[in-house]
């Protein structure tokens, strides 16, 4: 069962793409729906005032399972069926998880 702060690959439409992309789990409802935030790594799409940066240099980055600096898109919070979570990558831990919680609240 997915847990808050875990990161999975999920295939959902996002802008003009329908690729697999990482998603941070925010909450799980009735073991079937996950509320998640989509992640992307294209720095040209990053909006400092809206998005949450996950820099590769952050001390807690390795636990995420991400390969490069990424960011959570502030206006892309979605309901996703738990069955659609594809591959577990990692999780937000330590200070990175606390920074994310502060940003999302």
PDB file of N, CA and C in Angstrom:
ATOM      1  N   UNK A   1       0.837  -1.181   0.000  1.00  0.00           N
ATOM      2  CA  UNK A   1       0.000   0.000   0.000  1.00  0.00           C
ATOM      3  C   UNK A   1       0.885   1.249   0.000  1.00  0.00           C
ATOM      4  N   UNK A   2       0.640   2.170  -0.904  1.00  0.00           N
ATOM      5  CA  UNK A   2       1.459   3.385  -0.965  1.00  0.00           C
ATOM      6  C   UNK A   2       1.347   4.213   0.311  1.00  0.00           C
ATOM      7  N   UNK A   3       2.410   4.932   0.627  1.00  0.00           N
ATOM      8  CA  UNK A   3       2.461   5.778   1.818  1.00  0.00           C
ATOM      9  C   UNK A   3       2.832   7.209   1.421  1.00  0.00           C
ATOM     10  N   UNK A   4       2.446   8.165   2.270  1.00  0.00           N
ATOM     11  CA  UNK A   4       2.785   9.566   2.059  1.00  0.00           C
ATOM     12  C   UNK A   4       4.293   9.703   1.842  1.00  0.00           C
ATOM     13  N   UNK A   5       4.684  10.554   0.940  1.00  0.00           N
ATOM     14  CA  UNK A   5       6.064  10.882   0.578  1.00  0.00           C
ATOM     15  C   UNK A   5       6.731   9.864  -0.334  1.00  0.00           C
ATOM     16  N   UNK A   6       6.095   8.725  -0.611  1.00  0.00           N
ATOM     17  CA  UNK A   6       6.707   7.776  -1.536  1.00  0.00           C
ATOM     18  C   UNK A   6       6.608   8.316  -2.959  1.00  0.00           C
ATOM     19  N   UNK A   7       7.555   7.911  -3.781  1.00  0.00           N
ATOM     20  CA  UNK A   7       7.610   8.366  -5.171  1.00  0.00           C
ATOM     21  C   UNK A   7       7.488   7.143  -6.079  1.00  0.00           C
ATOM     22  N   UNK A   8       6.517   7.206  -6.983  1.00  0.00           N
ATOM     23  CA  UNK A   8       6.263   6.132  -7.946  1.00  0.00           C
ATOM     24  C   UNK A   8       6.249   6.707  -9.350  1.00  0.00           C
ATOM     25  N   UNK A   9       6.506   5.847 -10.322  1.00  0.00           N
ATOM     26  CA  UNK A   9       6.248   6.216 -11.705  1.00  0.00           C
ATOM     27  C   UNK A   9       4.769   5.989 -11.981  1.00  0.00           C
ATOM     28  N   UNK A  10       4.171   6.913 -12.702  1.00  0.00           N
ATOM     29  CA  UNK A  10       2.759   6.801 -13.062  1.00  0.00           C
ATOM     30  C   UNK A  10       2.585   7.386 -14.464  1.00  0.00           C
ATOM     31  N   UNK A  11       1.679   6.803 -15.212  1.00  0.00           N
ATOM     32  CA  UNK A  11       1.433   7.307 -16.567  1.00  0.00           C
ATOM     33  C   UNK A  11       0.115   8.063 -16.570  1.00  0.00           C
ATOM     34  N   UNK A  12       0.229   9.374 -16.656  1.00  0.00           N
ATOM     35  CA  UNK A  12      -0.945  10.248 -16.711  1.00  0.00           C
ATOM     36  C   UNK A  12      -0.687  11.350 -17.722  1.00  0.00           C
ATOM     37  N   UNK A  13      -1.742  11.888 -18.324  1.00  0.00           N
ATOM     38  CA  UNK A  13      -1.523  13.016 -19.233  1.00  0.00           C
ATOM     39  C   UNK A  13      -1.050  14.244 -18.452  1.00  0.00           C
ATOM     40  N   UNK A  14      -0.035  14.884 -18.968  1.00  0.00           N
ATOM     41  CA  UNK A  14       0.488  16.094 -18.348  1.00  0.00           C
ATOM     42  C   UNK A  14       0.932  17.021 -19.466  1.00  0.00           C
ATOM     43  N   UNK A  15       0.228  18.126 -19.569  1.00  0.00           N
ATOM     44  CA  UNK A  15       0.428  19.057 -20.676  1.00  0.00           C
ATOM     45  C   UNK A  15       0.304  18.293 -21.983  1.00  0.00           C
ATOM     46  N   UNK A  16       1.303  18.280 -22.838  1.00  0.00           N
ATOM     47  CA  UNK A  16       1.179  17.603 -24.136  1.00  0.00           C
ATOM     48  C   UNK A  16       1.748  16.184 -24.107  1.00  0.00           C
ATOM     49  N   UNK A  17       2.055  15.670 -22.928  1.00  0.00           N
ATOM     50  CA  UNK A  17       2.730  14.376 -22.819  1.00  0.00           C
ATOM     51  C   UNK A  17       1.865  13.348 -22.100  1.00  0.00           C
ATOM     52  N   UNK A  18       2.067  12.079 -22.442  1.00  0.00           N
ATOM     53  CA  UNK A  18       1.409  10.973 -21.742  1.00  0.00           C
ATOM     54  C   UNK A  18       2.470   9.944 -21.339  1.00  0.00           C
ATOM     55  N   UNK A  19       3.639  10.443 -20.951  1.00  0.00           N
ATOM     56  CA  UNK A  19       4.759   9.597 -20.566  1.00  0.00           C
ATOM     57  C   UNK A  19       4.629   9.168 -19.108  1.00  0.00           C
ATOM     58  N   UNK A  20       5.420   8.142 -18.739  1.00  0.00           N
ATOM     59  CA  UNK A  20       5.562   7.805 -17.330  1.00  0.00           C
ATOM     60  C   UNK A  20       6.380   8.909 -16.687  1.00  0.00           C
ATOM     61  N   UNK A  21       5.947   9.315 -15.496  1.00  0.00           N
ATOM     62  CA  UNK A  21       6.700  10.328 -14.768  1.00  0.00           C
ATOM     63  C   UNK A  21       6.550  10.072 -13.272  1.00  0.00           C
ATOM     64  N   UNK A  22       7.490  10.577 -12.493  1.00  0.00           N
ATOM     65  CA  UNK A  22       7.398  10.392 -11.049  1.00  0.00           C
ATOM     66  C   UNK A  22       6.228  11.167 -10.450  1.00  0.00           C
ATOM     67  N   UNK A  23       5.701  10.627  -9.369  1.00  0.00           N
ATOM     68  CA  UNK A  23       4.581  11.217  -8.640  1.00  0.00           C
ATOM     69  C   UNK A  23       4.845  11.029  -7.151  1.00  0.00           C
ATOM     70  N   UNK A  24       4.709  12.090  -6.366  1.00  0.00           N
ATOM     71  CA  UNK A  24       4.845  12.008  -4.912  1.00  0.00           C
ATOM     72  C   UNK A  24       3.467  11.752  -4.318  1.00  0.00           C
ATOM     73  N   UNK A  25       3.343  10.712  -3.504  1.00  0.00           N
ATOM     74  CA  UNK A  25       2.083  10.395  -2.850  1.00  0.00           C
ATOM     75  C   UNK A  25       1.848  11.384  -1.706  1.00  0.00           C
ATOM     76  N   UNK A  26       0.665  12.018  -1.732  1.00  0.00           N
ATOM     77  CA  UNK A  26       0.267  12.925  -0.653  1.00  0.00           C
ATOM     78  C   UNK A  26      -0.618  12.221   0.360  1.00  0.00           C
ATOM     79  N   UNK A  27      -1.529  11.408  -0.135  1.00  0.00           N
ATOM     80  CA  UNK A  27      -2.518  10.772   0.730  1.00  0.00           C
ATOM     81  C   UNK A  27      -3.076   9.552   0.013  1.00  0.00           C
ATOM     82  N   UNK A  28      -3.545   8.590   0.778  1.00  0.00           N
ATOM     83  CA  UNK A  28      -4.186   7.401   0.208  1.00  0.00           C
ATOM     84  C   UNK A  28      -5.593   7.322   0.773  1.00  0.00           C
ATOM     85  N   UNK A  29      -6.567   7.137  -0.103  1.00  0.00           N
ATOM     86  CA  UNK A  29      -7.961   7.087   0.299  1.00  0.00           C
ATOM     87  C   UNK A  29      -8.560   5.733  -0.070  1.00  0.00           C
ATOM     88  N   UNK A  30      -9.066   5.027   0.885  1.00  0.00           N
ATOM     89  CA  UNK A  30      -9.733   3.746   0.660  1.00  0.00           C
ATOM     90  C   UNK A  30      -8.879   2.737  -0.102  1.00  0.00           C
ATOM     91  N   UNK A  31      -7.586   2.803   0.028  1.00  0.00           N
ATOM     92  CA  UNK A  31      -6.642   1.876  -0.610  1.00  0.00           C
ATOM     93  C   UNK A  31      -6.746   1.824  -2.126  1.00  0.00           C
ATOM     94  N   UNK A  32      -7.486   2.713  -2.738  1.00  0.00           N
ATOM     95  CA  UNK A  32      -7.631   2.641  -4.189  1.00  0.00           C
ATOM     96  C   UNK A  32      -7.222   3.931  -4.893  1.00  0.00           C
ATOM     97  N   UNK A  33      -7.348   5.053  -4.243  1.00  0.00           N
ATOM     98  CA  UNK A  33      -7.030   6.336  -4.866  1.00  0.00           C
ATOM     99  C   UNK A  33      -5.853   6.974  -4.133  1.00  0.00           C
ATOM    100  N   UNK A  34      -4.920   7.461  -4.900  1.00  0.00           N
ATOM    101  CA  UNK A  34      -3.765   8.161  -4.358  1.00  0.00           C
ATOM    102  C   UNK A  34      -3.855   9.606  -4.818  1.00  0.00           C
ATOM    103  N   UNK A  35      -3.681  10.525  -3.899  1.00  0.00           N
ATOM    104  CA  UNK A  35      -3.578  11.929  -4.277  1.00  0.00           C
ATOM    105  C   UNK A  35      -2.092  12.205  -4.400  1.00  0.00           C
ATOM    106  N   UNK A  36      -1.665  12.633  -5.584  1.00  0.00           N
ATOM    107  CA  UNK A  36      -0.238  12.802  -5.813  1.00  0.00           C
ATOM    108  C   UNK A  36       0.103  14.062  -6.565  1.00  0.00           C
ATOM    109  N   UNK A  37       1.366  14.442  -6.468  1.00  0.00           N
ATOM    110  CA  UNK A  37       1.903  15.602  -7.162  1.00  0.00           C
ATOM    111  C   UNK A  37       2.852  15.097  -8.238  1.00  0.00           C
ATOM    112  N   UNK A  38       2.632  15.522  -9.473  1.00  0.00           N
ATOM    113  CA  UNK A  38       3.471  15.107 -10.584  1.00  0.00           C
ATOM    114  C   UNK A  38       4.818  15.821 -10.542  1.00  0.00           C
ATOM    115  N   UNK A  39       5.859  15.112 -10.966  1.00  0.00           N
ATOM    116  CA  UNK A  39       7.208  15.658 -11.013  1.00  0.00           C
ATOM    117  C   UNK A  39       7.710  15.713 -12.449  1.00  0.00           C
ATOM    118  N   UNK A  40       8.491  16.717 -12.746  1.00  0.00           N
ATOM    119  CA  UNK A  40       9.175  16.818 -14.033  1.00  0.00           C
ATOM    120  C   UNK A  40      10.605  17.301 -13.784  1.00  0.00           C
ATOM    121  N   UNK A  41      11.450  17.142 -14.791  1.00  0.00           N
ATOM    122  CA  UNK A  41      12.842  17.560 -14.630  1.00  0.00           C
ATOM    123  C   UNK A  41      13.256  18.648 -15.604  1.00  0.00           C
ATOM    124  N   UNK A  42      12.376  19.055 -16.481  1.00  0.00           N
ATOM    125  CA  UNK A  42      12.716  20.088 -17.460  1.00  0.00           C
ATOM    126  C   UNK A  42      12.769  21.457 -16.790  1.00  0.00           C
ATOM    127  N   UNK A  43      13.965  21.974 -16.628  1.00  0.00           N
ATOM    128  CA  UNK A  43      14.125  23.244 -15.910  1.00  0.00           C
ATOM    129  C   UNK A  43      13.428  24.412 -16.608  1.00  0.00           C
ATOM    130  N   UNK A  44      13.163  24.294 -17.881  1.00  0.00           N
ATOM    131  CA  UNK A  44      12.487  25.389 -18.586  1.00  0.00           C
ATOM    132  C   UNK A  44      11.039  25.548 -18.143  1.00  0.00           C
ATOM    133  N   UNK A  45      10.475  24.522 -17.497  1.00  0.00           N
ATOM    134  CA  UNK A  45       9.089  24.581 -17.025  1.00  0.00           C
ATOM    135  C   UNK A  45       8.971  25.025 -15.564  1.00  0.00           C
ATOM    136  N   UNK A  46      10.084  25.120 -14.848  1.00  0.00           N
ATOM    137  CA  UNK A  46      10.082  25.439 -13.420  1.00  0.00           C
ATOM    138  C   UNK A  46       9.606  26.861 -13.159  1.00  0.00           C
ATOM    139  N   UNK A  47       8.636  26.984 -12.218  1.00  0.00           N
ATOM    140  CA  UNK A  47       8.119  28.291 -11.795  1.00  0.00           C
ATOM    141  C   UNK A  47       8.365  28.423 -10.294  1.00  0.00           C
ATOM    142  N   UNK A  48       9.329  29.214  -9.926  1.00  0.00           N
ATOM    143  CA  UNK A  48       9.776  29.322  -8.535  1.00  0.00           C
ATOM    144  C   UNK A  48       8.639  29.612  -7.559  1.00  0.00           C
ATOM    145  N   UNK A  49       7.699  30.437  -7.930  1.00  0.00           N
ATOM    146  CA  UNK A  49       6.619  30.828  -7.021  1.00  0.00           C
ATOM    147  C   UNK A  49       5.575  29.723  -6.821  1.00  0.00           C
ATOM    148  N   UNK A  50       5.535  28.723  -7.706  1.00  0.00           N
ATOM    149  CA  UNK A  50       4.479  27.705  -7.655  1.00  0.00           C
ATOM    150  C   UNK A  50       4.978  26.286  -7.423  1.00  0.00           C
ATOM    151  N   UNK A  51       6.186  25.988  -7.834  1.00  0.00           N
ATOM    152  CA  UNK A  51       6.661  24.614  -7.854  1.00  0.00           C
ATOM    153  C   UNK A  51       7.667  24.347  -6.733  1.00  0.00           C
ATOM    154  N   UNK A  52       7.846  23.065  -6.407  1.00  0.00           N
ATOM    155  CA  UNK A  52       8.769  22.657  -5.345  1.00  0.00           C
ATOM    156  C   UNK A  52       9.994  22.003  -5.963  1.00  0.00           C
ATOM    157  N   UNK A  53      11.138  22.627  -5.791  1.00  0.00           N
ATOM    158  CA  UNK A  53      12.384  22.147  -6.366  1.00  0.00           C
ATOM    159  C   UNK A  53      12.986  21.031  -5.511  1.00  0.00           C
ATOM    160  N   UNK A  54      13.425  19.971  -6.184  1.00  0.00           N
ATOM    161  CA  UNK A  54      14.117  18.854  -5.527  1.00  0.00           C
ATOM    162  C   UNK A  54      15.499  18.770  -6.168  1.00  0.00           C
ATOM    163  N   UNK A  55      16.456  19.538  -5.647  1.00  0.00           N
ATOM    164  CA  UNK A  55      17.768  19.596  -6.277  1.00  0.00           C
ATOM    165  C   UNK A  55      18.613  18.348  -6.016  1.00  0.00           C
ATOM    166  N   UNK A  56      19.328  17.938  -7.027  1.00  0.00           N
ATOM    167  CA  UNK A  56      20.191  16.758  -6.927  1.00  0.00           C
ATOM    168  C   UNK A  56      21.229  16.923  -5.814  1.00  0.00           C
ATOM    169  N   UNK A  57      21.577  18.166  -5.502  1.00  0.00           N
ATOM    170  CA  UNK A  57      22.588  18.441  -4.481  1.00  0.00           C
ATOM    171  C   UNK A  57      22.046  18.350  -3.056  1.00  0.00           C
ATOM    172  N   UNK A  58      20.745  18.232  -2.882  1.00  0.00           N
ATOM    173  CA  UNK A  58      20.153  18.182  -1.542  1.00  0.00           C
ATOM    174  C   UNK A  58      20.652  16.930  -0.816  1.00  0.00           C
ATOM    175  N   UNK A  59      20.997  17.041   0.476  1.00  0.00           N
ATOM    176  CA  UNK A  59      21.511  15.885   1.214  1.00  0.00           C
ATOM    177  C   UNK A  59      20.555  14.675   1.238  1.00  0.00           C
ATOM    178  N   UNK A  60      19.257  14.899   1.103  1.00  0.00           N
ATOM    179  CA  UNK A  60      18.282  13.799   1.134  1.00  0.00           C
ATOM    180  C   UNK A  60      17.868  13.341  -0.263  1.00  0.00           C
ATOM    181  N   UNK A  61      18.524  13.840  -1.313  1.00  0.00           N
ATOM    182  CA  UNK A  61      18.122  13.519  -2.684  1.00  0.00           C
ATOM    183  C   UNK A  61      18.231  12.029  -3.001  1.00  0.00           C
ATOM    184  N   UNK A  62      19.261  11.367  -2.565  1.00  0.00           N
ATOM    185  CA  UNK A  62      19.488   9.956  -2.929  1.00  0.00           C
ATOM    186  C   UNK A  62      18.300   9.074  -2.570  1.00  0.00           C
ATOM    187  N   UNK A  63      17.614   9.363  -1.474  1.00  0.00           N
ATOM    188  CA  UNK A  63      16.474   8.544  -1.041  1.00  0.00           C
ATOM    189  C   UNK A  63      15.287   8.650  -1.985  1.00  0.00           C
ATOM    190  N   UNK A  64      15.248   9.688  -2.829  1.00  0.00           N
ATOM    191  CA  UNK A  64      14.105   9.880  -3.727  1.00  0.00           C
ATOM    192  C   UNK A  64      14.079   8.870  -4.867  1.00  0.00           C
ATOM    193  N   UNK A  65      15.232   8.345  -5.239  1.00  0.00           N
ATOM    194  CA  UNK A  65      15.298   7.448  -6.384  1.00  0.00           C
ATOM    195  C   UNK A  65      15.285   8.187  -7.714  1.00  0.00           C
ATOM    196  N   UNK A  66      15.225   9.504  -7.669  1.00  0.00           N
ATOM    197  CA  UNK A  66      15.253  10.306  -8.898  1.00  0.00           C
ATOM    198  C   UNK A  66      16.679  10.357  -9.431  1.00  0.00           C
ATOM    199  N   UNK A  67      16.829  10.581 -10.712  1.00  0.00           N
ATOM    200  CA  UNK A  67      18.154  10.598 -11.327  1.00  0.00           C
ATOM    201  C   UNK A  67      18.723  12.006 -11.483  1.00  0.00           C
ATOM    202  N   UNK A  68      17.837  13.000 -11.549  1.00  0.00           N
ATOM    203  CA  UNK A  68      18.320  14.368 -11.739  1.00  0.00           C
ATOM    204  C   UNK A  68      17.396  15.344 -11.026  1.00  0.00           C
ATOM    205  N   UNK A  69      17.881  16.567 -10.891  1.00  0.00           N
ATOM    206  CA  UNK A  69      17.084  17.622 -10.271  1.00  0.00           C
ATOM    207  C   UNK A  69      15.700  17.634 -10.905  1.00  0.00           C
ATOM    208  N   UNK A  70      14.687  17.682 -10.057  1.00  0.00           N
ATOM    209  CA  UNK A  70      13.306  17.660 -10.522  1.00  0.00           C
ATOM    210  C   UNK A  70      12.505  18.665  -9.713  1.00  0.00           C
ATOM    211  N   UNK A  71      11.249  18.834 -10.096  1.00  0.00           N
ATOM    212  CA  UNK A  71      10.383  19.676  -9.284  1.00  0.00           C
ATOM    213  C   UNK A  71       8.954  19.169  -9.332  1.00  0.00           C
ATOM    214  N   UNK A  72       8.265  19.395  -8.217  1.00  0.00           N
ATOM    215  CA  UNK A  72       6.844  19.063  -8.107  1.00  0.00           C
ATOM    216  C   UNK A  72       6.069  20.235  -8.685  1.00  0.00           C
ATOM    217  N   UNK A  73       5.142  19.926  -9.582  1.00  0.00           N
ATOM    218  CA  UNK A  73       4.359  20.972 -10.242  1.00  0.00           C
ATOM    219  C   UNK A  73       3.194  21.358  -9.334  1.00  0.00           C
ATOM    220  N   UNK A  74       3.189  22.596  -8.893  1.00  0.00           N
ATOM    221  CA  UNK A  74       2.206  23.065  -7.929  1.00  0.00           C
ATOM    222  C   UNK A  74       0.763  22.974  -8.370  1.00  0.00           C
ATOM    223  N   UNK A  75       0.502  23.048  -9.660  1.00  0.00           N
ATOM    224  CA  UNK A  75      -0.884  22.982 -10.128  1.00  0.00           C
ATOM    225  C   UNK A  75      -1.217  21.623 -10.760  1.00  0.00           C
ATOM    226  N   UNK A  76      -0.446  20.600 -10.419  1.00  0.00           N
ATOM    227  CA  UNK A  76      -0.701  19.271 -10.966  1.00  0.00           C
ATOM    228  C   UNK A  76      -0.870  18.238  -9.846  1.00  0.00           C
ATOM    229  N   UNK A  77      -1.814  18.496  -8.970  1.00  0.00           N
ATOM    230  CA  UNK A  77      -2.168  17.538  -7.919  1.00  0.00           C
ATOM    231  C   UNK A  77      -3.322  16.718  -8.468  1.00  0.00           C
ATOM    232  N   UNK A  78      -3.176  15.408  -8.466  1.00  0.00           N
ATOM    233  CA  UNK A  78      -4.131  14.528  -9.136  1.00  0.00           C
ATOM    234  C   UNK A  78      -4.566  13.374  -8.257  1.00  0.00           C
ATOM    235  N   UNK A  79      -5.760  12.861  -8.555  1.00  0.00           N
ATOM    236  CA  UNK A  79      -6.183  11.571  -8.025  1.00  0.00           C
ATOM    237  C   UNK A  79      -5.699  10.517  -8.998  1.00  0.00           C
ATOM    238  N   UNK A  80      -5.057   9.499  -8.484  1.00  0.00           N
ATOM    239  CA  UNK A  80      -4.522   8.418  -9.305  1.00  0.00           C
ATOM    240  C   UNK A  80      -4.943   7.095  -8.660  1.00  0.00           C
ATOM    241  N   UNK A  81      -5.423   6.158  -9.446  1.00  0.00           N
ATOM    242  CA  UNK A  81      -5.755   4.844  -8.910  1.00  0.00           C
ATOM    243  C   UNK A  81      -4.473   4.171  -8.424  1.00  0.00           C
ATOM    244  N   UNK A  82      -4.523   3.589  -7.240  1.00  0.00           N
ATOM    245  CA  UNK A  82      -3.342   2.924  -6.696  1.00  0.00           C
ATOM    246  C   UNK A  82      -2.812   1.876  -7.665  1.00  0.00           C
ATOM    247  N   UNK A  83      -3.705   1.223  -8.404  1.00  0.00           N
ATOM    248  CA  UNK A  83      -3.300   0.202  -9.371  1.00  0.00           C
ATOM    249  C   UNK A  83      -2.488   0.800 -10.519  1.00  0.00           C
ATOM    250  N   UNK A  84      -2.594   2.119 -10.739  1.00  0.00           N
ATOM    251  CA  UNK A  84      -1.847   2.768 -11.816  1.00  0.00           C
ATOM    252  C   UNK A  84      -0.441   3.176 -11.414  1.00  0.00           C
ATOM    253  N   UNK A  85      -0.100   3.021 -10.127  1.00  0.00           N
ATOM    254  CA  UNK A  85       1.271   3.301  -9.706  1.00  0.00           C
ATOM    255  C   UNK A  85       2.140   2.189 -10.269  1.00  0.00           C
ATOM    256  N   UNK A  86       3.127   2.552 -11.065  1.00  0.00           N
ATOM    257  CA  UNK A  86       3.883   1.564 -11.805  1.00  0.00           C
ATOM    258  C   UNK A  86       5.074   1.023 -11.041  1.00  0.00           C
ATOM    259  N   UNK A  87       6.043   1.841 -10.798  1.00  0.00           N
ATOM    260  CA  UNK A  87       7.291   1.390 -10.187  1.00  0.00           C
ATOM    261  C   UNK A  87       7.634   2.300  -9.016  1.00  0.00           C
ATOM    262  N   UNK A  88       7.969   1.708  -7.878  1.00  0.00           N
ATOM    263  CA  UNK A  88       8.413   2.465  -6.718  1.00  0.00           C
ATOM    264  C   UNK A  88       9.835   2.960  -6.982  1.00  0.00           C
ATOM    265  N   UNK A  89      10.059   4.265  -6.800  1.00  0.00           N
ATOM    266  CA  UNK A  89      11.393   4.827  -7.003  1.00  0.00           C
ATOM    267  C   UNK A  89      12.116   5.092  -5.689  1.00  0.00           C
ATOM    268  N   UNK A  90      11.402   5.671  -4.724  1.00  0.00           N
ATOM    269  CA  UNK A  90      12.014   6.062  -3.460  1.00  0.00           C
ATOM    270  C   UNK A  90      11.033   6.897  -2.668  1.00  0.00           C
ATOM    271  N   UNK A  91      11.577   7.778  -1.828  1.00  0.00           N
ATOM    272  CA  UNK A  91      10.696   8.596  -0.998  1.00  0.00           C
ATOM    273  C   UNK A  91      11.403   9.881  -0.576  1.00  0.00           C
ATOM    274  N   UNK A  92      10.594  10.855  -0.189  1.00  0.00           N
ATOM    275  CA  UNK A  92      11.133  12.072   0.424  1.00  0.00           C
ATOM    276  C   UNK A  92      11.436  11.734   1.877  1.00  0.00           C
ATOM    277  N   UNK A  93      12.614  12.111   2.335  1.00  0.00           N
ATOM    278  CA  UNK A  93      13.003  11.835   3.717  1.00  0.00           C
ATOM    279  C   UNK A  93      13.621  13.074   4.357  1.00  0.00           C
ATOM    280  N   UNK A  94      13.680  13.064   5.671  1.00  0.00           N
ATOM    281  CA  UNK A  94      14.383  14.091   6.426  1.00  0.00           C
ATOM    282  C   UNK A  94      13.934  15.508   6.109  1.00  0.00           C
ATOM    283  N   UNK A  95      14.914  16.379   5.971  1.00  0.00           N
ATOM    284  CA  UNK A  95      14.643  17.798   5.734  1.00  0.00           C
ATOM    285  C   UNK A  95      13.897  18.021   4.423  1.00  0.00           C
ATOM    286  N   UNK A  96      14.181  17.214   3.418  1.00  0.00           N
ATOM    287  CA  UNK A  96      13.483  17.357   2.139  1.00  0.00           C
ATOM    288  C   UNK A  96      11.985  17.099   2.310  1.00  0.00           C
ATOM    289  N   UNK A  97      11.615  16.094   3.085  1.00  0.00           N
ATOM    290  CA  UNK A  97      10.198  15.810   3.357  1.00  0.00           C
ATOM    291  C   UNK A  97       9.561  16.957   4.137  1.00  0.00           C
ATOM    292  N   UNK A  98      10.280  17.513   5.107  1.00  0.00           N
ATOM    293  CA  UNK A  98       9.742  18.643   5.885  1.00  0.00           C
ATOM    294  C   UNK A  98       9.561  19.877   5.006  1.00  0.00           C
ATOM    295  N   UNK A  99      10.515  20.145   4.112  1.00  0.00           N
ATOM    296  CA  UNK A  99      10.392  21.284   3.197  1.00  0.00           C
ATOM    297  C   UNK A  99       9.205  21.097   2.261  1.00  0.00           C
ATOM    298  N   UNK A 100       9.012  19.865   1.778  1.00  0.00           N
ATOM    299  CA  UNK A 100       7.889  19.574   0.892  1.00  0.00           C
ATOM    300  C   UNK A 100       6.569  19.794   1.632  1.00  0.00           C
ATOM    301  N   UNK A 101       6.462  19.289   2.857  1.00  0.00           N
ATOM    302  CA  UNK A 101       5.227  19.455   3.637  1.00  0.00           C
ATOM    303  C   UNK A 101       4.905  20.921   3.874  1.00  0.00           C
ATOM    304  N   UNK A 102       5.932  21.704   4.146  1.00  0.00           N
ATOM    305  CA  UNK A 102       5.725  23.145   4.342  1.00  0.00           C
ATOM    306  C   UNK A 102       5.229  23.781   3.046  1.00  0.00           C
ATOM    307  N   UNK A 103       5.797  23.387   1.901  1.00  0.00           N
ATOM    308  CA  UNK A 103       5.393  23.924   0.609  1.00  0.00           C
ATOM    309  C   UNK A 103       3.956  23.532   0.263  1.00  0.00           C
ATOM    310  N   UNK A 104       3.581  22.292   0.495  1.00  0.00           N
ATOM    311  CA  UNK A 104       2.276  21.793   0.068  1.00  0.00           C
ATOM    312  C   UNK A 104       1.132  22.282   0.968  1.00  0.00           C
ATOM    313  N   UNK A 105       1.451  22.698   2.185  1.00  0.00           N
ATOM    314  CA  UNK A 105       0.361  23.114   3.106  1.00  0.00           C
ATOM    315  C   UNK A 105      -0.140  24.514   2.841  1.00  0.00           C
TER     316      UNK A 105
END
